[in-house]
Amino acid sequence: GDGTLQNDKIAMLPVEDCMSAEFAAVIMIYKFDPIKLTLKLPDNSEEEMWEGPTLTHLYSGLSRARVHFTMVLYDYIPDRSLYTDKLLEELRQRRDLCRIIEH
């Protein structure tokens, strides 16, 4: 893409193939597939958490949509990823920004 608005293009594209384009509407179909990480904390203790590319992909989808963004999210497991849970909760309340359909 050359950074121009793509009004006449309807296609299925992986997120990485549309980084410099903008679309009037984006519908993202996303499978939640986190991985388990062990974090070393400043006090040298360890904490386990689940994280994955959800935040990166969600940001990419949101930033490509000029007018409307819908995410079809499947296999989501709440309380697995603190950051993803918080972001999704905020976005669910911002219907003007996006719509999340959980499957």
N, C-alpha and C. Protein backbone atom coordinates (compact mmCIF):
# COMPACT_ATOMS: atom_id res chain seq x y z
N GLY A 1 0.81 -1.19 0.00
CA GLY A 1 0.00 0.00 0.00
C GLY A 1 0.85 1.25 0.00
N ASP A 2 0.29 2.34 -0.51
CA ASP A 2 1.01 3.61 -0.58
C ASP A 2 0.50 4.61 0.45
N GLY A 3 -0.27 4.16 1.43
CA GLY A 3 -0.77 5.04 2.46
C GLY A 3 -2.07 5.74 2.09
N THR A 4 -2.66 5.42 0.95
CA THR A 4 -3.90 6.06 0.54
C THR A 4 -5.10 5.26 1.03
N LEU A 5 -6.23 5.93 1.12
CA LEU A 5 -7.46 5.27 1.55
C LEU A 5 -7.95 4.34 0.45
N GLN A 6 -8.20 3.09 0.80
CA GLN A 6 -8.61 2.06 -0.15
C GLN A 6 -10.13 1.89 -0.09
N ASN A 7 -10.89 2.73 -0.77
CA ASN A 7 -12.36 2.67 -0.70
C ASN A 7 -12.96 1.57 -1.56
N ASP A 8 -12.29 1.19 -2.61
CA ASP A 8 -12.89 0.25 -3.55
C ASP A 8 -12.34 -1.17 -3.42
N LYS A 9 -11.61 -1.45 -2.37
CA LYS A 9 -10.98 -2.75 -2.22
C LYS A 9 -11.70 -3.57 -1.15
N ILE A 10 -12.20 -4.73 -1.54
CA ILE A 10 -12.77 -5.68 -0.60
C ILE A 10 -11.95 -6.95 -0.75
N ALA A 11 -11.24 -7.28 0.30
CA ALA A 11 -10.35 -8.44 0.21
C ALA A 11 -10.03 -8.95 1.61
N MET A 12 -9.63 -10.22 1.67
CA MET A 12 -9.12 -10.77 2.91
C MET A 12 -7.62 -10.60 2.89
N LEU A 13 -7.10 -9.91 3.89
CA LEU A 13 -5.67 -9.66 3.96
C LEU A 13 -5.15 -9.97 5.36
N PRO A 14 -4.00 -10.59 5.45
CA PRO A 14 -3.38 -10.72 6.77
C PRO A 14 -2.99 -9.32 7.26
N VAL A 15 -2.99 -9.15 8.56
CA VAL A 15 -2.67 -7.84 9.14
C VAL A 15 -1.36 -7.29 8.61
N GLU A 16 -0.37 -8.14 8.49
CA GLU A 16 0.95 -7.66 8.06
C GLU A 16 0.98 -7.18 6.61
N ASP A 17 -0.03 -7.52 5.82
CA ASP A 17 -0.08 -7.08 4.42
C ASP A 17 -0.81 -5.76 4.21
N CYS A 18 -1.29 -5.16 5.28
CA CYS A 18 -2.03 -3.90 5.10
C CYS A 18 -1.55 -2.83 6.07
N MET A 19 -0.27 -2.85 6.38
CA MET A 19 0.27 -1.91 7.36
C MET A 19 0.26 -0.46 6.91
N SER A 20 0.40 -0.18 5.64
CA SER A 20 0.46 1.22 5.23
C SER A 20 -0.81 1.68 4.52
N ALA A 21 -1.84 0.87 4.53
CA ALA A 21 -3.10 1.24 3.87
C ALA A 21 -4.15 1.57 4.91
N GLU A 22 -5.13 2.36 4.51
CA GLU A 22 -6.28 2.63 5.35
C GLU A 22 -7.53 2.19 4.59
N PHE A 23 -8.49 1.65 5.31
CA PHE A 23 -9.72 1.17 4.71
C PHE A 23 -10.90 1.82 5.41
N ALA A 24 -11.98 2.05 4.70
CA ALA A 24 -13.17 2.64 5.30
C ALA A 24 -13.69 1.76 6.44
N ALA A 25 -13.67 0.45 6.25
CA ALA A 25 -14.12 -0.49 7.28
C ALA A 25 -13.18 -1.68 7.32
N VAL A 26 -12.98 -2.18 8.52
CA VAL A 26 -12.15 -3.37 8.71
C VAL A 26 -12.93 -4.34 9.57
N ILE A 27 -13.01 -5.58 9.11
CA ILE A 27 -13.58 -6.67 9.90
C ILE A 27 -12.44 -7.64 10.16
N MET A 28 -12.10 -7.80 11.41
CA MET A 28 -10.97 -8.66 11.78
C MET A 28 -11.51 -9.94 12.40
N ILE A 29 -11.09 -11.07 11.89
CA ILE A 29 -11.46 -12.37 12.45
C ILE A 29 -10.22 -12.87 13.18
N TYR A 30 -10.37 -13.06 14.50
CA TYR A 30 -9.17 -13.31 15.30
C TYR A 30 -9.38 -14.44 16.30
N LYS A 31 -8.47 -15.39 16.30
CA LYS A 31 -8.48 -16.47 17.28
C LYS A 31 -7.52 -16.11 18.41
N PHE A 32 -8.03 -16.11 19.62
CA PHE A 32 -7.22 -15.84 20.80
C PHE A 32 -6.39 -17.07 21.10
N ASP A 33 -5.09 -16.94 21.02
CA ASP A 33 -4.19 -18.07 21.19
C ASP A 33 -2.95 -17.62 21.97
N PRO A 34 -3.12 -17.39 23.28
CA PRO A 34 -2.00 -16.85 24.06
C PRO A 34 -0.96 -17.91 24.40
N ILE A 35 0.19 -17.42 24.80
CA ILE A 35 1.26 -18.29 25.27
C ILE A 35 1.56 -17.93 26.72
N LYS A 36 2.07 -18.88 27.45
CA LYS A 36 2.38 -18.66 28.86
C LYS A 36 3.80 -18.11 28.98
N LEU A 37 3.92 -17.00 29.68
CA LEU A 37 5.22 -16.37 29.89
C LEU A 37 5.54 -16.34 31.37
N THR A 38 6.82 -16.42 31.69
CA THR A 38 7.26 -16.24 33.07
C THR A 38 8.07 -14.96 33.12
N LEU A 39 7.58 -14.01 33.93
CA LEU A 39 8.23 -12.72 34.05
C LEU A 39 9.07 -12.66 35.31
N LYS A 40 10.26 -12.11 35.19
CA LYS A 40 11.10 -11.91 36.36
C LYS A 40 10.84 -10.49 36.87
N LEU A 41 10.40 -10.36 38.10
CA LEU A 41 10.05 -9.08 38.69
C LEU A 41 11.28 -8.44 39.33
N PRO A 42 11.21 -7.13 39.60
CA PRO A 42 12.38 -6.43 40.17
C PRO A 42 12.91 -7.03 41.47
N ASP A 43 12.03 -7.67 42.25
CA ASP A 43 12.49 -8.29 43.50
C ASP A 43 13.01 -9.72 43.28
N ASN A 44 13.25 -10.07 42.02
CA ASN A 44 13.75 -11.39 41.60
C ASN A 44 12.73 -12.51 41.75
N SER A 45 11.51 -12.20 42.10
CA SER A 45 10.48 -13.23 42.10
C SER A 45 9.98 -13.39 40.66
N GLU A 46 9.21 -14.41 40.44
CA GLU A 46 8.68 -14.68 39.11
C GLU A 46 7.16 -14.68 39.13
N GLU A 47 6.60 -14.26 38.01
CA GLU A 47 5.14 -14.25 37.87
C GLU A 47 4.80 -14.83 36.51
N GLU A 48 3.82 -15.73 36.50
CA GLU A 48 3.39 -16.31 35.23
C GLU A 48 2.22 -15.52 34.69
N MET A 49 2.20 -15.32 33.38
CA MET A 49 1.09 -14.65 32.74
C MET A 49 0.91 -15.20 31.35
N TRP A 50 -0.27 -15.02 30.81
CA TRP A 50 -0.59 -15.43 29.45
C TRP A 50 -0.62 -14.20 28.58
N GLU A 51 0.03 -14.24 27.47
CA GLU A 51 -0.01 -13.11 26.54
C GLU A 51 0.20 -13.64 25.13
N GLY A 52 -0.19 -12.87 24.19
CA GLY A 52 -0.04 -13.25 22.80
C GLY A 52 -0.07 -12.02 21.93
N PRO A 53 -0.19 -12.20 20.65
CA PRO A 53 -0.17 -11.06 19.74
C PRO A 53 -1.49 -10.31 19.64
N THR A 54 -2.45 -10.61 20.53
CA THR A 54 -3.77 -9.98 20.46
C THR A 54 -3.68 -8.47 20.44
N LEU A 55 -2.93 -7.88 21.36
CA LEU A 55 -2.85 -6.42 21.44
C LEU A 55 -2.26 -5.82 20.18
N THR A 56 -1.21 -6.41 19.66
CA THR A 56 -0.57 -5.91 18.44
C THR A 56 -1.52 -5.99 17.26
N HIS A 57 -2.18 -7.12 17.11
CA HIS A 57 -3.11 -7.30 15.99
C HIS A 57 -4.33 -6.39 16.13
N LEU A 58 -4.82 -6.25 17.36
CA LEU A 58 -5.96 -5.37 17.59
C LEU A 58 -5.61 -3.93 17.25
N TYR A 59 -4.45 -3.48 17.69
CA TYR A 59 -4.02 -2.12 17.36
C TYR A 59 -3.89 -1.95 15.85
N SER A 60 -3.31 -2.92 15.18
CA SER A 60 -3.15 -2.84 13.73
C SER A 60 -4.50 -2.73 13.03
N GLY A 61 -5.45 -3.56 13.44
CA GLY A 61 -6.78 -3.50 12.84
C GLY A 61 -7.47 -2.18 13.08
N LEU A 62 -7.42 -1.71 14.33
CA LEU A 62 -8.03 -0.42 14.67
C LEU A 62 -7.41 0.73 13.88
N SER A 63 -6.11 0.70 13.74
CA SER A 63 -5.43 1.81 13.08
C SER A 63 -5.62 1.79 11.56
N ARG A 64 -6.01 0.66 10.98
CA ARG A 64 -6.26 0.58 9.54
C ARG A 64 -7.68 1.05 9.18
N ALA A 65 -8.59 1.01 10.15
CA ALA A 65 -9.99 1.35 9.89
C ALA A 65 -10.20 2.85 9.99
N ARG A 66 -10.64 3.44 8.92
CA ARG A 66 -10.89 4.88 8.89
C ARG A 66 -12.21 5.22 9.56
N VAL A 67 -13.25 4.39 9.34
CA VAL A 67 -14.58 4.71 9.84
C VAL A 67 -15.11 3.66 10.81
N HIS A 68 -14.99 2.38 10.47
CA HIS A 68 -15.64 1.34 11.25
C HIS A 68 -14.71 0.14 11.43
N PHE A 69 -14.68 -0.39 12.67
CA PHE A 69 -13.87 -1.57 12.97
C PHE A 69 -14.73 -2.57 13.72
N THR A 70 -14.76 -3.79 13.23
CA THR A 70 -15.44 -4.89 13.91
C THR A 70 -14.44 -6.03 14.07
N MET A 71 -14.44 -6.63 15.25
CA MET A 71 -13.56 -7.76 15.52
C MET A 71 -14.42 -8.95 15.89
N VAL A 72 -14.28 -10.05 15.16
CA VAL A 72 -14.91 -11.31 15.52
C VAL A 72 -13.84 -12.09 16.27
N LEU A 73 -14.07 -12.25 17.57
CA LEU A 73 -13.07 -12.85 18.45
C LEU A 73 -13.57 -14.22 18.89
N TYR A 74 -12.78 -15.24 18.64
CA TYR A 74 -13.22 -16.57 19.08
C TYR A 74 -12.13 -17.25 19.89
N ASP A 75 -12.58 -18.20 20.72
CA ASP A 75 -11.74 -18.93 21.66
C ASP A 75 -11.14 -18.02 22.73
N TYR A 76 -11.80 -16.91 23.02
CA TYR A 76 -11.28 -16.01 24.05
C TYR A 76 -11.53 -16.58 25.44
N ILE A 77 -10.53 -16.56 26.29
CA ILE A 77 -10.63 -17.04 27.66
C ILE A 77 -10.34 -15.86 28.58
N PRO A 78 -11.37 -15.32 29.23
CA PRO A 78 -11.15 -14.19 30.15
C PRO A 78 -10.19 -14.58 31.28
N ASP A 79 -9.54 -13.58 31.82
CA ASP A 79 -8.62 -13.72 32.95
C ASP A 79 -7.35 -14.49 32.61
N ARG A 80 -7.08 -14.67 31.35
CA ARG A 80 -5.82 -15.28 30.94
C ARG A 80 -4.75 -14.21 30.70
N SER A 81 -5.19 -13.05 30.24
CA SER A 81 -4.26 -11.99 29.89
C SER A 81 -4.78 -10.66 30.43
N LEU A 82 -4.14 -10.16 31.46
CA LEU A 82 -4.58 -8.95 32.13
C LEU A 82 -4.70 -7.77 31.17
N TYR A 83 -3.69 -7.55 30.34
CA TYR A 83 -3.69 -6.40 29.45
C TYR A 83 -4.77 -6.53 28.37
N THR A 84 -4.93 -7.72 27.83
CA THR A 84 -5.96 -7.94 26.81
C THR A 84 -7.34 -7.78 27.43
N ASP A 85 -7.55 -8.32 28.62
CA ASP A 85 -8.84 -8.17 29.31
C ASP A 85 -9.19 -6.69 29.49
N LYS A 86 -8.23 -5.90 29.95
CA LYS A 86 -8.48 -4.48 30.19
C LYS A 86 -8.81 -3.75 28.90
N LEU A 87 -8.04 -4.01 27.85
CA LEU A 87 -8.28 -3.34 26.58
C LEU A 87 -9.64 -3.72 26.00
N LEU A 88 -9.97 -5.00 26.01
CA LEU A 88 -11.25 -5.43 25.47
C LEU A 88 -12.41 -4.84 26.26
N GLU A 89 -12.27 -4.75 27.57
CA GLU A 89 -13.33 -4.14 28.38
C GLU A 89 -13.54 -2.68 28.01
N GLU A 90 -12.46 -1.96 27.81
CA GLU A 90 -12.57 -0.55 27.39
C GLU A 90 -13.22 -0.44 26.01
N LEU A 91 -12.80 -1.29 25.09
CA LEU A 91 -13.33 -1.22 23.73
C LEU A 91 -14.80 -1.63 23.66
N ARG A 92 -15.21 -2.57 24.50
CA ARG A 92 -16.62 -2.97 24.52
C ARG A 92 -17.53 -1.78 24.89
N GLN A 93 -17.00 -0.88 25.67
CA GLN A 93 -17.77 0.29 26.08
C GLN A 93 -17.69 1.43 25.08
N ARG A 94 -16.86 1.31 24.07
CA ARG A 94 -16.69 2.36 23.05
C ARG A 94 -17.27 1.90 21.73
N ARG A 95 -18.59 1.75 21.68
CA ARG A 95 -19.26 1.29 20.47
C ARG A 95 -19.06 2.25 19.30
N ASP A 96 -18.74 3.51 19.61
CA ASP A 96 -18.45 4.46 18.55
C ASP A 96 -17.11 4.17 17.87
N LEU A 97 -16.24 3.46 18.57
CA LEU A 97 -14.90 3.16 18.07
C LEU A 97 -14.84 1.79 17.39
N CYS A 98 -15.47 0.81 18.01
CA CYS A 98 -15.42 -0.55 17.44
C CYS A 98 -16.53 -1.41 17.99
N ARG A 99 -16.68 -2.55 17.37
CA ARG A 99 -17.63 -3.56 17.83
C ARG A 99 -16.89 -4.87 17.95
N ILE A 100 -17.07 -5.54 19.07
CA ILE A 100 -16.42 -6.84 19.31
C ILE A 100 -17.51 -7.89 19.40
N ILE A 101 -17.41 -8.89 18.54
CA ILE A 101 -18.35 -10.01 18.55
C ILE A 101 -17.58 -11.24 19.02
N GLU A 102 -17.99 -11.78 20.16
CA GLU A 102 -17.28 -12.95 20.68
C GLU A 102 -18.00 -14.21 20.25
N HIS A 103 -17.22 -15.17 19.81
CA HIS A 103 -17.78 -16.40 19.28
C HIS A 103 -17.22 -17.57 20.05
